Amino acid sequence: IGIEARGFIFAPAMAYQLGAGFVPARKPGKLPSEC
């Protein structure tokens, strides 16, 4: 999980190397589905 905003820089690259998925933790109103 990458915390908005600078966590988004590191978390996806880590997830890729670990063979894991990436999930963003975002400020309210930025995600389109049920939160």
PDB file of all heavy atoms in Angstrom:
ATOM      1  N   ILE A   1       0.853  -1.188   0.000  1.00  0.00           N
ATOM      2  CA  ILE A   1       0.000   0.000   0.000  1.00  0.00           C
ATOM      3  C   ILE A   1       0.885   1.232   0.000  1.00  0.00           C
ATOM      4  O   ILE A   1       1.779   1.362   0.837  1.00  0.00           O
ATOM      5  CB  ILE A   1      -0.926   0.013   1.232  1.00  0.00           C
ATOM      6  CG1 ILE A   1      -1.897  -1.166   1.145  1.00  0.00           C
ATOM      7  CG2 ILE A   1      -1.677   1.342   1.328  1.00  0.00           C
ATOM      8  CD1 ILE A   1      -2.791  -1.316   2.340  1.00  0.00           C
ATOM      9  N   GLY A   2       0.620   2.128  -0.934  1.00  0.00           N
ATOM     10  CA  GLY A   2       1.323   3.406  -0.998  1.00  0.00           C
ATOM     11  C   GLY A   2       0.428   4.508  -0.493  1.00  0.00           C
ATOM     12  O   GLY A   2      -0.728   4.612  -0.883  1.00  0.00           O
ATOM     13  N   ILE A   3       0.976   5.314   0.420  1.00  0.00           N
ATOM     14  CA  ILE A   3       0.224   6.428   0.997  1.00  0.00           C
ATOM     15  C   ILE A   3       0.395   7.660   0.105  1.00  0.00           C
ATOM     16  O   ILE A   3       1.514   8.006  -0.276  1.00  0.00           O
ATOM     17  CB  ILE A   3       0.702   6.728   2.433  1.00  0.00           C
ATOM     18  CG1 ILE A   3       0.532   5.497   3.324  1.00  0.00           C
ATOM     19  CG2 ILE A   3      -0.042   7.931   3.004  1.00  0.00           C
ATOM     20  CD1 ILE A   3       1.110   5.648   4.723  1.00  0.00           C
ATOM     21  N   GLU A   4      -0.738   8.297  -0.227  1.00  0.00           N
ATOM     22  CA  GLU A   4      -0.706   9.496  -1.071  1.00  0.00           C
ATOM     23  C   GLU A   4       0.147  10.561  -0.412  1.00  0.00           C
ATOM     24  O   GLU A   4       0.036  10.795   0.791  1.00  0.00           O
ATOM     25  CB  GLU A   4      -2.137  10.017  -1.269  1.00  0.00           C
ATOM     26  CG  GLU A   4      -2.190  11.124  -2.275  1.00  0.00           C
ATOM     27  CD  GLU A   4      -3.619  11.459  -2.726  1.00  0.00           C
ATOM     28  OE1 GLU A   4      -4.556  10.699  -2.487  1.00  0.00           O
ATOM     29  OE2 GLU A   4      -3.764  12.507  -3.337  1.00  0.00           O
ATOM     30  N   ALA A   5       0.994  11.203  -1.131  1.00  0.00           N
ATOM     31  CA  ALA A   5       1.244  11.047  -2.554  1.00  0.00           C
ATOM     32  C   ALA A   5       2.595  10.392  -2.803  1.00  0.00           C
ATOM     33  O   ALA A   5       2.761   9.619  -3.737  1.00  0.00           O
ATOM     34  CB  ALA A   5       1.218  12.401  -3.254  1.00  0.00           C
ATOM     35  N   ARG A   6       3.584  10.685  -1.985  1.00  0.00           N
ATOM     36  CA  ARG A   6       4.922  10.177  -2.293  1.00  0.00           C
ATOM     37  C   ARG A   6       5.075   8.679  -2.076  1.00  0.00           C
ATOM     38  O   ARG A   6       5.976   8.060  -2.630  1.00  0.00           O
ATOM     39  CB  ARG A   6       5.976  10.994  -1.539  1.00  0.00           C
ATOM     40  CG  ARG A   6       6.101  12.402  -2.132  1.00  0.00           C
ATOM     41  CD  ARG A   6       7.139  13.234  -1.437  1.00  0.00           C
ATOM     42  NE  ARG A   6       6.808  13.513  -0.062  1.00  0.00           N
ATOM     43  CZ  ARG A   6       6.124  14.570   0.362  1.00  0.00           C
ATOM     44  NH1 ARG A   6       5.664  15.447  -0.496  1.00  0.00           N
ATOM     45  NH2 ARG A   6       5.881  14.752   1.634  1.00  0.00           N
ATOM     46  N   GLY A   7       4.187   8.078  -1.319  1.00  0.00           N
ATOM     47  CA  GLY A   7       4.207   6.621  -1.202  1.00  0.00           C
ATOM     48  C   GLY A   7       3.916   5.943  -2.531  1.00  0.00           C
ATOM     49  O   GLY A   7       4.316   4.802  -2.767  1.00  0.00           O
ATOM     50  N   PHE A   8       3.242   6.682  -3.436  1.00  0.00           N
ATOM     51  CA  PHE A   8       2.943   6.150  -4.765  1.00  0.00           C
ATOM     52  C   PHE A   8       4.213   5.959  -5.589  1.00  0.00           C
ATOM     53  O   PHE A   8       4.217   5.211  -6.555  1.00  0.00           O
ATOM     54  CB  PHE A   8       2.022   7.086  -5.535  1.00  0.00           C
ATOM     55  CG  PHE A   8       0.633   7.225  -4.986  1.00  0.00           C
ATOM     56  CD1 PHE A   8      -0.247   8.100  -5.568  1.00  0.00           C
ATOM     57  CD2 PHE A   8       0.195   6.507  -3.884  1.00  0.00           C
ATOM     58  CE1 PHE A   8      -1.537   8.258  -5.094  1.00  0.00           C
ATOM     59  CE2 PHE A   8      -1.094   6.648  -3.394  1.00  0.00           C
ATOM     60  CZ  PHE A   8      -1.959   7.524  -4.001  1.00  0.00           C
ATOM     61  N   ILE A   9       5.285   6.646  -5.239  1.00  0.00           N
ATOM     62  CA  ILE A   9       6.544   6.522  -5.966  1.00  0.00           C
ATOM     63  C   ILE A   9       7.204   5.181  -5.666  1.00  0.00           C
ATOM     64  O   ILE A   9       7.762   4.537  -6.552  1.00  0.00           O
ATOM     65  CB  ILE A   9       7.493   7.683  -5.592  1.00  0.00           C
ATOM     66  CG1 ILE A   9       6.874   9.020  -5.999  1.00  0.00           C
ATOM     67  CG2 ILE A   9       8.874   7.490  -6.222  1.00  0.00           C
ATOM     68  CD1 ILE A   9       7.557  10.229  -5.377  1.00  0.00           C
ATOM     69  N   PHE A  10       7.139   4.763  -4.410  1.00  0.00           N
ATOM     70  CA  PHE A  10       7.900   3.596  -3.958  1.00  0.00           C
ATOM     71  C   PHE A  10       7.098   2.303  -3.946  1.00  0.00           C
ATOM     72  O   PHE A  10       7.614   1.244  -4.275  1.00  0.00           O
ATOM     73  CB  PHE A  10       8.478   3.876  -2.567  1.00  0.00           C
ATOM     74  CG  PHE A  10       9.291   5.126  -2.546  1.00  0.00           C
ATOM     75  CD1 PHE A  10       8.777   6.306  -2.033  1.00  0.00           C
ATOM     76  CD2 PHE A  10      10.561   5.148  -3.095  1.00  0.00           C
ATOM     77  CE1 PHE A  10       9.520   7.477  -2.050  1.00  0.00           C
ATOM     78  CE2 PHE A  10      11.308   6.311  -3.128  1.00  0.00           C
ATOM     79  CZ  PHE A  10      10.787   7.484  -2.602  1.00  0.00           C
ATOM     80  N   ALA A  11       5.850   2.373  -3.553  1.00  0.00           N
ATOM     81  CA  ALA A  11       5.045   1.163  -3.367  1.00  0.00           C
ATOM     82  C   ALA A  11       4.858   0.338  -4.639  1.00  0.00           C
ATOM     83  O   ALA A  11       4.994  -0.887  -4.586  1.00  0.00           O
ATOM     84  CB  ALA A  11       3.698   1.519  -2.736  1.00  0.00           C
ATOM     85  N   PRO A  12       4.554   0.939  -5.792  1.00  0.00           N
ATOM     86  CA  PRO A  12       4.380   0.096  -6.984  1.00  0.00           C
ATOM     87  C   PRO A  12       5.665  -0.636  -7.381  1.00  0.00           C
ATOM     88  O   PRO A  12       5.614  -1.805  -7.778  1.00  0.00           O
ATOM     89  CB  PRO A  12       3.952   1.088  -8.067  1.00  0.00           C
ATOM     90  CG  PRO A  12       3.373   2.242  -7.329  1.00  0.00           C
ATOM     91  CD  PRO A  12       4.166   2.323  -6.060  1.00  0.00           C
ATOM     92  N   ALA A  13       6.801   0.039  -7.267  1.00  0.00           N
ATOM     93  CA  ALA A  13       8.077  -0.614  -7.602  1.00  0.00           C
ATOM     94  C   ALA A  13       8.372  -1.751  -6.627  1.00  0.00           C
ATOM     95  O   ALA A  13       8.849  -2.821  -7.032  1.00  0.00           O
ATOM     96  CB  ALA A  13       9.211   0.414  -7.601  1.00  0.00           C
ATOM     97  N   MET A  14       8.075  -1.540  -5.357  1.00  0.00           N
ATOM     98  CA  MET A  14       8.251  -2.602  -4.370  1.00  0.00           C
ATOM     99  C   MET A  14       7.322  -3.773  -4.682  1.00  0.00           C
ATOM    100  O   MET A  14       7.742  -4.931  -4.634  1.00  0.00           O
ATOM    101  CB  MET A  14       7.973  -2.075  -2.959  1.00  0.00           C
ATOM    102  CG  MET A  14       8.994  -1.116  -2.420  1.00  0.00           C
ATOM    103  SD  MET A  14       8.491  -0.478  -0.801  1.00  0.00           S
ATOM    104  CE  MET A  14       8.524  -1.976   0.192  1.00  0.00           C
ATOM    105  N   ALA A  15       6.071  -3.466  -4.971  1.00  0.00           N
ATOM    106  CA  ALA A  15       5.090  -4.517  -5.274  1.00  0.00           C
ATOM    107  C   ALA A  15       5.556  -5.342  -6.472  1.00  0.00           C
ATOM    108  O   ALA A  15       5.486  -6.576  -6.449  1.00  0.00           O
ATOM    109  CB  ALA A  15       3.719  -3.896  -5.545  1.00  0.00           C
ATOM    110  N   TYR A  16       6.033  -4.676  -7.491  1.00  0.00           N
ATOM    111  CA  TYR A  16       6.524  -5.368  -8.678  1.00  0.00           C
ATOM    112  C   TYR A  16       7.638  -6.345  -8.314  1.00  0.00           C
ATOM    113  O   TYR A  16       7.618  -7.511  -8.705  1.00  0.00           O
ATOM    114  CB  TYR A  16       7.010  -4.337  -9.705  1.00  0.00           C
ATOM    115  CG  TYR A  16       7.651  -4.958 -10.921  1.00  0.00           C
ATOM    116  CD1 TYR A  16       6.880  -5.499 -11.941  1.00  0.00           C
ATOM    117  CD2 TYR A  16       9.034  -5.003 -11.043  1.00  0.00           C
ATOM    118  CE1 TYR A  16       7.470  -6.073 -13.053  1.00  0.00           C
ATOM    119  CE2 TYR A  16       9.633  -5.577 -12.145  1.00  0.00           C
ATOM    120  CZ  TYR A  16       8.848  -6.109 -13.154  1.00  0.00           C
ATOM    121  OH  TYR A  16       9.445  -6.682 -14.240  1.00  0.00           O
ATOM    122  N   GLN A  17       8.616  -5.864  -7.554  1.00  0.00           N
ATOM    123  CA  GLN A  17       9.755  -6.712  -7.189  1.00  0.00           C
ATOM    124  C   GLN A  17       9.364  -7.843  -6.242  1.00  0.00           C
ATOM    125  O   GLN A  17       9.994  -8.901  -6.239  1.00  0.00           O
ATOM    126  CB  GLN A  17      10.883  -5.877  -6.581  1.00  0.00           C
ATOM    127  CG  GLN A  17      11.631  -5.074  -7.604  1.00  0.00           C
ATOM    128  CD  GLN A  17      12.945  -4.538  -7.074  1.00  0.00           C
ATOM    129  OE1 GLN A  17      13.400  -4.889  -5.998  1.00  0.00           O
ATOM    130  NE2 GLN A  17      13.559  -3.666  -7.846  1.00  0.00           N
ATOM    131  N   LEU A  18       8.334  -7.623  -5.423  1.00  0.00           N
ATOM    132  CA  LEU A  18       7.898  -8.648  -4.468  1.00  0.00           C
ATOM    133  C   LEU A  18       6.848  -9.592  -5.051  1.00  0.00           C
ATOM    134  O   LEU A  18       6.427 -10.537  -4.382  1.00  0.00           O
ATOM    135  CB  LEU A  18       7.348  -7.987  -3.203  1.00  0.00           C
ATOM    136  CG  LEU A  18       8.366  -7.245  -2.341  1.00  0.00           C
ATOM    137  CD1 LEU A  18       7.663  -6.411  -1.267  1.00  0.00           C
ATOM    138  CD2 LEU A  18       9.358  -8.217  -1.709  1.00  0.00           C
ATOM    139  N   GLY A  19       6.422  -9.338  -6.274  1.00  0.00           N
ATOM    140  CA  GLY A  19       5.371 -10.160  -6.875  1.00  0.00           C
ATOM    141  C   GLY A  19       4.037  -9.966  -6.191  1.00  0.00           C
ATOM    142  O   GLY A  19       3.234 -10.893  -6.087  1.00  0.00           O
ATOM    143  N   ALA A  20       3.799  -8.752  -5.716  1.00  0.00           N
ATOM    144  CA  ALA A  20       2.578  -8.418  -4.970  1.00  0.00           C
ATOM    145  C   ALA A  20       1.755  -7.410  -5.766  1.00  0.00           C
ATOM    146  O   ALA A  20       2.215  -6.865  -6.772  1.00  0.00           O
ATOM    147  CB  ALA A  20       2.954  -7.838  -3.605  1.00  0.00           C
ATOM    148  N   GLY A  21       0.556  -7.147  -5.286  1.00  0.00           N
ATOM    149  CA  GLY A  21      -0.273  -6.108  -5.871  1.00  0.00           C
ATOM    150  C   GLY A  21       0.015  -4.770  -5.218  1.00  0.00           C
ATOM    151  O   GLY A  21       0.634  -4.691  -4.151  1.00  0.00           O
ATOM    152  N   PHE A  22      -0.447  -3.710  -5.855  1.00  0.00           N
ATOM    153  CA  PHE A  22      -0.314  -2.352  -5.319  1.00  0.00           C
ATOM    154  C   PHE A  22      -1.695  -1.782  -5.050  1.00  0.00           C
ATOM    155  O   PHE A  22      -2.609  -1.923  -5.870  1.00  0.00           O
ATOM    156  CB  PHE A  22       0.423  -1.448  -6.307  1.00  0.00           C
ATOM    157  CG  PHE A  22       0.250   0.021  -6.009  1.00  0.00           C
ATOM    158  CD1 PHE A  22       0.826   0.586  -4.887  1.00  0.00           C
ATOM    159  CD2 PHE A  22      -0.517   0.828  -6.839  1.00  0.00           C
ATOM    160  CE1 PHE A  22       0.649   1.942  -4.601  1.00  0.00           C
ATOM    161  CE2 PHE A  22      -0.695   2.178  -6.566  1.00  0.00           C
ATOM    162  CZ  PHE A  22      -0.106   2.733  -5.444  1.00  0.00           C
ATOM    163  N   VAL A  23      -1.845  -1.122  -3.891  1.00  0.00           N
ATOM    164  CA  VAL A  23      -3.095  -0.459  -3.518  1.00  0.00           C
ATOM    165  C   VAL A  23      -2.767   0.951  -3.056  1.00  0.00           C
ATOM    166  O   VAL A  23      -1.902   1.126  -2.187  1.00  0.00           O
ATOM    167  CB  VAL A  23      -3.820  -1.237  -2.392  1.00  0.00           C
ATOM    168  CG1 VAL A  23      -4.960  -0.414  -1.811  1.00  0.00           C
ATOM    169  CG2 VAL A  23      -4.327  -2.570  -2.902  1.00  0.00           C
ATOM    170  N   PRO A  24      -3.465   1.964  -3.591  1.00  0.00           N
ATOM    171  CA  PRO A  24      -3.258   3.322  -3.104  1.00  0.00           C
ATOM    172  C   PRO A  24      -4.152   3.642  -1.912  1.00  0.00           C
ATOM    173  O   PRO A  24      -5.311   3.251  -1.875  1.00  0.00           O
ATOM    174  CB  PRO A  24      -3.644   4.182  -4.308  1.00  0.00           C
ATOM    175  CG  PRO A  24      -4.669   3.370  -5.031  1.00  0.00           C
ATOM    176  CD  PRO A  24      -4.298   1.920  -4.799  1.00  0.00           C
ATOM    177  N   ALA A  25      -3.595   4.344  -0.941  1.00  0.00           N
ATOM    178  CA  ALA A  25      -4.368   4.951   0.150  1.00  0.00           C
ATOM    179  C   ALA A  25      -4.441   6.435  -0.200  1.00  0.00           C
ATOM    180  O   ALA A  25      -3.416   7.116  -0.228  1.00  0.00           O
ATOM    181  CB  ALA A  25      -3.700   4.736   1.489  1.00  0.00           C
ATOM    182  N   ARG A  26      -5.667   6.921  -0.487  1.00  0.00           N
ATOM    183  CA  ARG A  26      -5.823   8.243  -1.070  1.00  0.00           C
ATOM    184  C   ARG A  26      -6.633   9.186  -0.190  1.00  0.00           C
ATOM    185  O   ARG A  26      -7.366   8.769   0.691  1.00  0.00           O
ATOM    186  CB  ARG A  26      -6.540   8.114  -2.419  1.00  0.00           C
ATOM    187  CG  ARG A  26      -5.785   7.217  -3.360  1.00  0.00           C
ATOM    188  CD  ARG A  26      -5.670   7.680  -4.749  1.00  0.00           C
ATOM    189  NE  ARG A  26      -5.272   9.065  -4.916  1.00  0.00           N
ATOM    190  CZ  ARG A  26      -5.425   9.729  -6.052  1.00  0.00           C
ATOM    191  NH1 ARG A  26      -6.000   9.146  -7.084  1.00  0.00           N
ATOM    192  NH2 ARG A  26      -5.024  10.972  -6.160  1.00  0.00           N
ATOM    193  N   LYS A  27      -6.510  10.461  -0.502  1.00  0.00           N
ATOM    194  CA  LYS A  27      -7.344  11.478   0.122  1.00  0.00           C
ATOM    195  C   LYS A  27      -8.791  11.245  -0.322  1.00  0.00           C
ATOM    196  O   LYS A  27      -9.039  10.709  -1.396  1.00  0.00           O
ATOM    197  CB  LYS A  27      -6.895  12.882  -0.296  1.00  0.00           C
ATOM    198  CG  LYS A  27      -5.458  13.200   0.075  1.00  0.00           C
ATOM    199  CD  LYS A  27      -5.291  13.373   1.556  1.00  0.00           C
ATOM    200  CE  LYS A  27      -3.855  13.780   1.872  1.00  0.00           C
ATOM    201  NZ  LYS A  27      -3.582  13.768   3.289  1.00  0.00           N
ATOM    202  N   PRO A  28      -9.758  11.649   0.494  1.00  0.00           N
ATOM    203  CA  PRO A  28     -11.171  11.428   0.151  1.00  0.00           C
ATOM    204  C   PRO A  28     -11.554  12.030  -1.203  1.00  0.00           C
ATOM    205  O   PRO A  28     -11.055  13.076  -1.602  1.00  0.00           O
ATOM    206  CB  PRO A  28     -11.917  12.133   1.287  1.00  0.00           C
ATOM    207  CG  PRO A  28     -10.967  12.071   2.441  1.00  0.00           C
ATOM    208  CD  PRO A  28      -9.605  12.242   1.825  1.00  0.00           C
ATOM    209  N   GLY A  29     -12.429  11.295  -1.889  1.00  0.00           N
ATOM    210  CA  GLY A  29     -12.964  11.768  -3.146  1.00  0.00           C
ATOM    211  C   GLY A  29     -12.135  11.425  -4.376  1.00  0.00           C
ATOM    212  O   GLY A  29     -12.480  11.835  -5.483  1.00  0.00           O
ATOM    213  N   LYS A  30     -11.068  10.674  -4.221  1.00  0.00           N
ATOM    214  CA  LYS A  30     -10.184  10.363  -5.348  1.00  0.00           C
ATOM    215  C   LYS A  30     -10.410   8.967  -5.922  1.00  0.00           C
ATOM    216  O   LYS A  30      -9.946   8.679  -7.020  1.00  0.00           O
ATOM    217  CB  LYS A  30      -8.714  10.477  -4.920  1.00  0.00           C
ATOM    218  CG  LYS A  30      -8.323  11.817  -4.365  1.00  0.00           C
ATOM    219  CD  LYS A  30      -8.209  12.839  -5.453  1.00  0.00           C
ATOM    220  CE  LYS A  30      -7.687  14.150  -4.882  1.00  0.00           C
ATOM    221  NZ  LYS A  30      -7.475  15.134  -5.908  1.00  0.00           N
ATOM    222  N   LEU A  31     -11.059   8.095  -5.190  1.00  0.00           N
ATOM    223  CA  LEU A  31     -11.262   6.718  -5.639  1.00  0.00           C
ATOM    224  C   LEU A  31     -12.704   6.533  -6.103  1.00  0.00           C
ATOM    225  O   LEU A  31     -13.636   7.023  -5.462  1.00  0.00           O
ATOM    226  CB  LEU A  31     -10.927   5.738  -4.511  1.00  0.00           C
ATOM    227  CG  LEU A  31      -9.458   5.719  -4.085  1.00  0.00           C
ATOM    228  CD1 LEU A  31      -9.273   4.893  -2.813  1.00  0.00           C
ATOM    229  CD2 LEU A  31      -8.577   5.181  -5.205  1.00  0.00           C
ATOM    230  N   PRO A  32     -12.924   5.788  -7.200  1.00  0.00           N
ATOM    231  CA  PRO A  32     -14.238   5.750  -7.832  1.00  0.00           C
ATOM    232  C   PRO A  32     -15.246   4.757  -7.266  1.00  0.00           C
ATOM    233  O   PRO A  32     -16.432   4.864  -7.552  1.00  0.00           O
ATOM    234  CB  PRO A  32     -13.907   5.366  -9.278  1.00  0.00           C
ATOM    235  CG  PRO A  32     -12.685   4.524  -9.155  1.00  0.00           C
ATOM    236  CD  PRO A  32     -11.909   5.136  -8.022  1.00  0.00           C
ATOM    237  N   SER A  33     -14.813   3.792  -6.480  1.00  0.00           N
ATOM    238  CA  SER A  33     -15.735   2.763  -6.012  1.00  0.00           C
ATOM    239  C   SER A  33     -15.976   2.932  -4.513  1.00  0.00           C
ATOM    240  O   SER A  33     -15.494   3.878  -3.895  1.00  0.00           O
ATOM    241  CB  SER A  33     -15.144   1.380  -6.325  1.00  0.00           C
ATOM    242  OG  SER A  33     -16.115   0.381  -6.136  1.00  0.00           O
ATOM    243  N   GLU A  34     -16.717   1.986  -3.928  1.00  0.00           N
ATOM    244  CA  GLU A  34     -17.037   2.069  -2.501  1.00  0.00           C
ATOM    245  C   GLU A  34     -15.753   2.036  -1.676  1.00  0.00           C
ATOM    246  O   GLU A  34     -14.899   1.172  -1.862  1.00  0.00           O
ATOM    247  CB  GLU A  34     -17.940   0.907  -2.099  1.00  0.00           C
ATOM    248  CG  GLU A  34     -18.424   1.004  -0.675  1.00  0.00           C
ATOM    249  CD  GLU A  34     -19.317  -0.163  -0.282  1.00  0.00           C
ATOM    250  OE1 GLU A  34     -19.716  -0.945  -1.155  1.00  0.00           O
ATOM    251  OE2 GLU A  34     -19.590  -0.272   0.921  1.00  0.00           O
ATOM    252  N   CYS A  35     -15.647   2.982  -0.745  1.00  0.00           N
ATOM    253  CA  CYS A  35     -14.415   3.156   0.024  1.00  0.00           C
ATOM    254  C   CYS A  35     -14.621   2.968   1.517  1.00  0.00           C
ATOM    255  O   CYS A  35     -15.695   3.239   2.046  1.00  0.00           O
ATOM    256  CB  CYS A  35     -13.849   4.567  -0.194  1.00  0.00           C
ATOM    257  SG  CYS A  35     -13.231   4.838  -1.855  1.00  0.00           S
TER     258      CYS A  35
END
